Amino acid sequence: MAIMKNAHALFSDVKKGDFFFEVKRKIFHIFLTAYPLYFIFLENWREISVYFSIILLCIWFLSEFLRLKFGIENTPTGLLTKAISRNYRINKSNSWREFKQPAWIIGNLIILILFNGPVLISGILVLSIGDSAAGLVGMFFKDKIFSGKTVQGFLAGVVASFLVVGFFTGDFRIALGSSVFGMAAEALSYKINDNYIIGLFSCIGAIFVSAI
């Protein structure tokens, strides 16, 4: 009986519908945030990704302008909002009037400009995979730390990031630094969309640990 009480105190009551909605969100997140890696087999993939990010930003701002100014619902950002926005799912009217931040595009653009090579790849992967793993695992636990994040989610993000970055870069110092720093940024982000900073701190952590 005591074990059941302890388990109830530790785990959240996650509804089936909420879980599948979150899985859908994370699938979108993985494929959207990893877009620079789609060009990785091209010689100038980093430069191409920078230009592609700028094009995406232009599309995003135009889409939001049309949605908010003229009430056009089926713009790219409108469709994305309907598909994966938590706030829209909870309160459609209030969420629909809010400007949607292109945080994942800007976050990628920052690291594409500042970094290159395996360090850059690590930042993209931690933003894509680590953040998704942290969110999925974290939703099952009650104990929150800063910004509503959980220790279990943080650890899941670190492990997932470390394995994926280590596999793709072959450098486990980069994997360690990027996963720990990136997930720390995700866990400690306060009043800022963590998609802006996860990739940046991942790259900084990769450089820092590699230099030790």
Protein backbone atom coordinates (compact mmCIF):
# COMPACT_ATOMS: atom_id res chain seq x y z
CA MET A 1 0.00 0.00 0.00
CA ALA A 2 2.85 2.35 0.88
CA ILE A 3 4.51 1.56 -2.46
CA MET A 4 1.31 2.49 -4.30
CA LYS A 5 1.09 5.77 -2.40
CA ASN A 6 4.71 6.59 -3.16
CA ALA A 7 4.20 5.77 -6.83
CA HIS A 8 1.11 7.98 -6.95
CA ALA A 9 3.07 10.81 -5.37
CA LEU A 10 5.85 10.44 -7.94
CA PHE A 11 3.96 9.86 -11.18
CA SER A 12 1.50 12.15 -12.90
CA ASP A 13 -1.90 10.95 -14.06
CA VAL A 14 -1.39 11.24 -17.81
CA LYS A 15 -4.50 10.83 -19.91
CA LYS A 16 -4.25 8.69 -23.02
CA GLY A 17 -5.31 11.57 -25.25
CA ASP A 18 -2.72 13.88 -23.72
CA PHE A 19 0.03 11.33 -24.24
CA PHE A 20 -0.73 10.77 -27.91
CA PHE A 21 -1.04 14.51 -28.47
CA GLU A 22 2.39 15.01 -26.89
CA VAL A 23 3.86 12.21 -29.03
CA LYS A 24 2.49 13.97 -32.11
CA ARG A 25 4.00 17.26 -30.95
CA LYS A 26 7.40 15.68 -30.44
CA ILE A 27 7.36 13.99 -33.84
CA PHE A 28 6.68 17.37 -35.41
CA HIS A 29 9.39 18.89 -33.22
CA ILE A 30 12.02 16.35 -34.26
CA PHE A 31 11.40 16.70 -37.98
CA LEU A 32 11.03 20.48 -37.93
CA THR A 33 14.04 21.33 -35.77
CA ALA A 34 16.38 18.90 -37.54
CA TYR A 35 15.91 20.55 -40.95
CA PRO A 36 19.56 21.70 -41.33
CA LEU A 37 20.66 18.07 -41.27
CA TYR A 38 18.54 17.37 -44.35
CA PHE A 39 21.22 19.22 -46.34
CA ILE A 40 24.20 17.59 -44.63
CA PHE A 41 25.23 15.51 -47.66
CA LEU A 42 25.67 18.67 -49.72
CA GLU A 43 29.08 20.32 -49.79
CA ASN A 44 27.93 23.70 -48.47
CA TRP A 45 25.16 22.38 -46.24
CA ARG A 46 25.77 24.93 -43.48
CA GLU A 47 25.48 27.93 -45.82
CA ILE A 48 22.44 26.40 -47.52
CA SER A 49 20.83 25.88 -44.11
CA VAL A 50 21.42 29.54 -43.21
CA TYR A 51 19.65 30.73 -46.36
CA PHE A 52 16.91 28.17 -45.87
CA SER A 53 16.41 29.41 -42.28
CA ILE A 54 16.03 32.98 -43.52
CA ILE A 55 13.46 31.84 -46.10
CA LEU A 56 11.59 29.96 -43.36
CA LEU A 57 11.55 33.10 -41.18
CA CYS A 58 10.14 35.17 -44.03
CA ILE A 59 7.42 32.59 -44.63
CA TRP A 60 6.71 32.44 -40.90
CA PHE A 61 6.29 36.21 -40.43
CA LEU A 62 4.18 36.54 -43.59
CA SER A 63 2.03 33.63 -42.45
CA GLU A 64 1.50 35.16 -39.01
CA PHE A 65 0.72 38.56 -40.55
CA LEU A 66 -1.97 37.03 -42.76
CA ARG A 67 -3.36 34.97 -39.90
CA LEU A 68 -3.53 37.75 -37.31
CA LYS A 69 -4.28 40.74 -39.54
CA PHE A 70 -6.73 39.21 -41.99
CA GLY A 71 -7.97 36.17 -40.05
CA ILE A 72 -6.80 33.67 -42.66
CA GLU A 73 -6.81 30.39 -40.75
CA ASN A 74 -5.10 27.96 -43.10
CA THR A 75 -1.73 29.67 -43.28
CA PRO A 76 1.33 27.46 -42.55
CA THR A 77 1.58 28.76 -38.98
CA GLY A 78 -2.18 28.51 -38.54
CA LEU A 79 -2.19 24.86 -39.54
CA LEU A 80 0.82 24.19 -37.30
CA THR A 81 -0.93 25.89 -34.39
CA LYS A 82 -4.02 23.74 -34.83
CA ALA A 83 -1.91 20.59 -35.05
CA ILE A 84 0.55 20.91 -32.16
CA SER A 85 -0.12 23.94 -29.95
CA ARG A 86 -0.86 23.03 -26.32
CA ASN A 87 -2.37 26.47 -25.67
CA TYR A 88 -4.64 26.17 -28.70
CA ARG A 89 -5.83 22.78 -27.48
CA ILE A 90 -6.67 24.23 -24.05
CA ASN A 91 -8.00 27.66 -25.01
CA LYS A 92 -8.52 28.11 -28.74
CA SER A 93 -9.75 31.70 -28.71
CA ASN A 94 -6.92 33.15 -26.60
CA SER A 95 -4.20 31.09 -28.24
CA TRP A 96 -5.35 31.97 -31.75
CA ARG A 97 -4.83 35.70 -31.10
CA GLU A 98 -1.22 35.22 -29.95
CA PHE A 99 1.79 35.67 -32.22
CA LYS A 100 3.57 32.33 -32.58
CA GLN A 101 7.31 32.60 -32.05
CA PRO A 102 9.63 30.99 -34.62
CA ALA A 103 11.96 30.02 -31.78
CA TRP A 104 13.19 26.78 -33.33
CA ILE A 105 14.14 28.55 -36.57
CA ILE A 106 15.96 31.39 -34.80
CA GLY A 107 17.65 28.95 -32.42
CA ASN A 108 19.00 26.96 -35.36
CA LEU A 109 19.99 30.10 -37.28
CA ILE A 110 22.08 31.33 -34.35
CA ILE A 111 24.17 28.16 -34.14
CA LEU A 112 24.42 27.84 -37.93
CA ILE A 113 26.07 31.28 -38.01
CA LEU A 114 28.32 30.79 -34.97
CA PHE A 115 29.48 27.16 -35.19
CA ASN A 116 30.37 24.43 -37.64
CA GLY A 117 31.39 20.77 -37.88
CA PRO A 118 30.53 18.23 -35.17
CA VAL A 119 29.85 21.00 -32.65
CA LEU A 120 27.13 22.43 -34.86
CA ILE A 121 25.66 18.99 -35.49
CA SER A 122 25.53 18.37 -31.74
CA GLY A 123 23.53 21.55 -31.17
CA ILE A 124 20.97 20.62 -33.81
CA LEU A 125 20.59 17.08 -32.46
CA VAL A 126 20.21 18.11 -28.81
CA LEU A 127 17.52 20.63 -29.76
CA SER A 128 15.74 18.02 -31.84
CA ILE A 129 16.15 14.76 -29.90
CA GLY A 130 17.06 15.78 -26.36
CA ASP A 131 14.29 18.34 -25.97
CA SER A 132 11.74 15.83 -27.28
CA ALA A 133 12.89 13.06 -24.94
CA ALA A 134 12.84 15.42 -21.95
CA GLY A 135 9.28 16.50 -22.69
CA LEU A 136 7.91 13.01 -23.23
CA VAL A 137 9.48 11.49 -20.12
CA GLY A 138 8.92 14.54 -17.95
CA MET A 139 5.16 14.55 -18.46
CA PHE A 140 4.89 11.32 -16.43
CA PHE A 141 6.38 12.80 -13.25
CA LYS A 142 5.00 15.27 -10.72
CA ASP A 143 8.08 16.74 -9.07
CA LYS A 144 8.93 19.92 -10.96
CA ILE A 145 12.09 21.98 -10.85
CA PHE A 146 12.51 25.33 -12.58
CA SER A 147 10.02 26.31 -15.30
CA GLY A 148 7.83 23.25 -14.69
CA LYS A 149 10.53 20.81 -15.83
CA THR A 150 11.34 17.52 -14.07
CA VAL A 151 14.61 15.91 -13.02
CA GLN A 152 13.56 12.72 -14.81
CA GLY A 153 12.90 14.63 -18.01
CA PHE A 154 16.28 16.33 -17.74
CA LEU A 155 18.06 12.99 -17.30
CA ALA A 156 16.14 11.44 -20.21
CA GLY A 157 17.13 14.34 -22.41
CA VAL A 158 20.79 14.02 -21.40
CA VAL A 159 20.88 10.27 -22.09
CA ALA A 160 19.05 10.52 -25.43
CA SER A 161 21.21 13.44 -26.57
CA PHE A 162 24.44 11.76 -25.50
CA LEU A 163 23.65 8.57 -27.39
CA VAL A 164 22.48 10.29 -30.58
CA VAL A 165 25.24 12.91 -30.68
CA GLY A 166 27.87 10.29 -29.86
CA PHE A 167 26.59 8.07 -32.65
CA PHE A 168 26.50 10.78 -35.31
CA THR A 169 29.71 12.64 -34.40
CA GLY A 170 31.82 9.80 -33.01
CA ASP A 171 33.14 12.19 -30.35
CA PHE A 172 31.84 11.37 -26.88
CA ARG A 173 33.36 14.47 -25.29
CA ILE A 174 31.26 16.59 -27.63
CA ALA A 175 28.31 14.32 -26.85
CA LEU A 176 28.78 14.75 -23.10
CA GLY A 177 29.24 18.51 -23.17
CA SER A 178 26.41 19.24 -25.58
CA SER A 179 23.91 16.95 -23.87
CA VAL A 180 24.52 18.22 -20.33
CA PHE A 181 24.73 21.92 -21.21
CA GLY A 182 21.83 21.77 -23.65
CA MET A 183 19.50 19.98 -21.28
CA ALA A 184 20.53 22.27 -18.43
CA ALA A 185 19.45 25.21 -20.59
CA GLU A 186 16.16 23.42 -21.32
CA ALA A 187 15.53 22.68 -17.64
CA LEU A 188 16.51 26.11 -16.32
CA SER A 189 14.94 28.26 -19.02
CA TYR A 190 12.74 30.86 -17.37
CA LYS A 191 10.24 33.07 -19.19
CA ILE A 192 11.97 32.32 -22.47
CA ASN A 193 11.20 29.71 -25.09
CA ASP A 194 13.90 27.07 -24.60
CA ASN A 195 14.15 26.49 -28.35
CA TYR A 196 16.04 29.78 -28.58
CA ILE A 197 18.87 28.63 -26.31
CA ILE A 198 19.15 24.82 -26.25
CA GLY A 199 21.25 24.61 -29.42
CA LEU A 200 23.46 27.53 -28.37
CA PHE A 201 24.26 26.10 -24.93
CA SER A 202 24.75 22.64 -26.43
CA CYS A 203 27.44 23.97 -28.77
CA ILE A 204 29.09 25.94 -25.96
CA GLY A 205 29.10 22.82 -23.78
CA ALA A 206 30.58 20.74 -26.60
CA ILE A 207 33.44 23.20 -27.02
CA PHE A 208 34.00 23.52 -23.28
CA VAL A 209 34.19 19.79 -22.51
CA SER A 210 36.29 19.09 -25.62
CA ALA A 211 38.83 21.64 -24.41
CA ILE A 212 39.29 19.97 -21.01
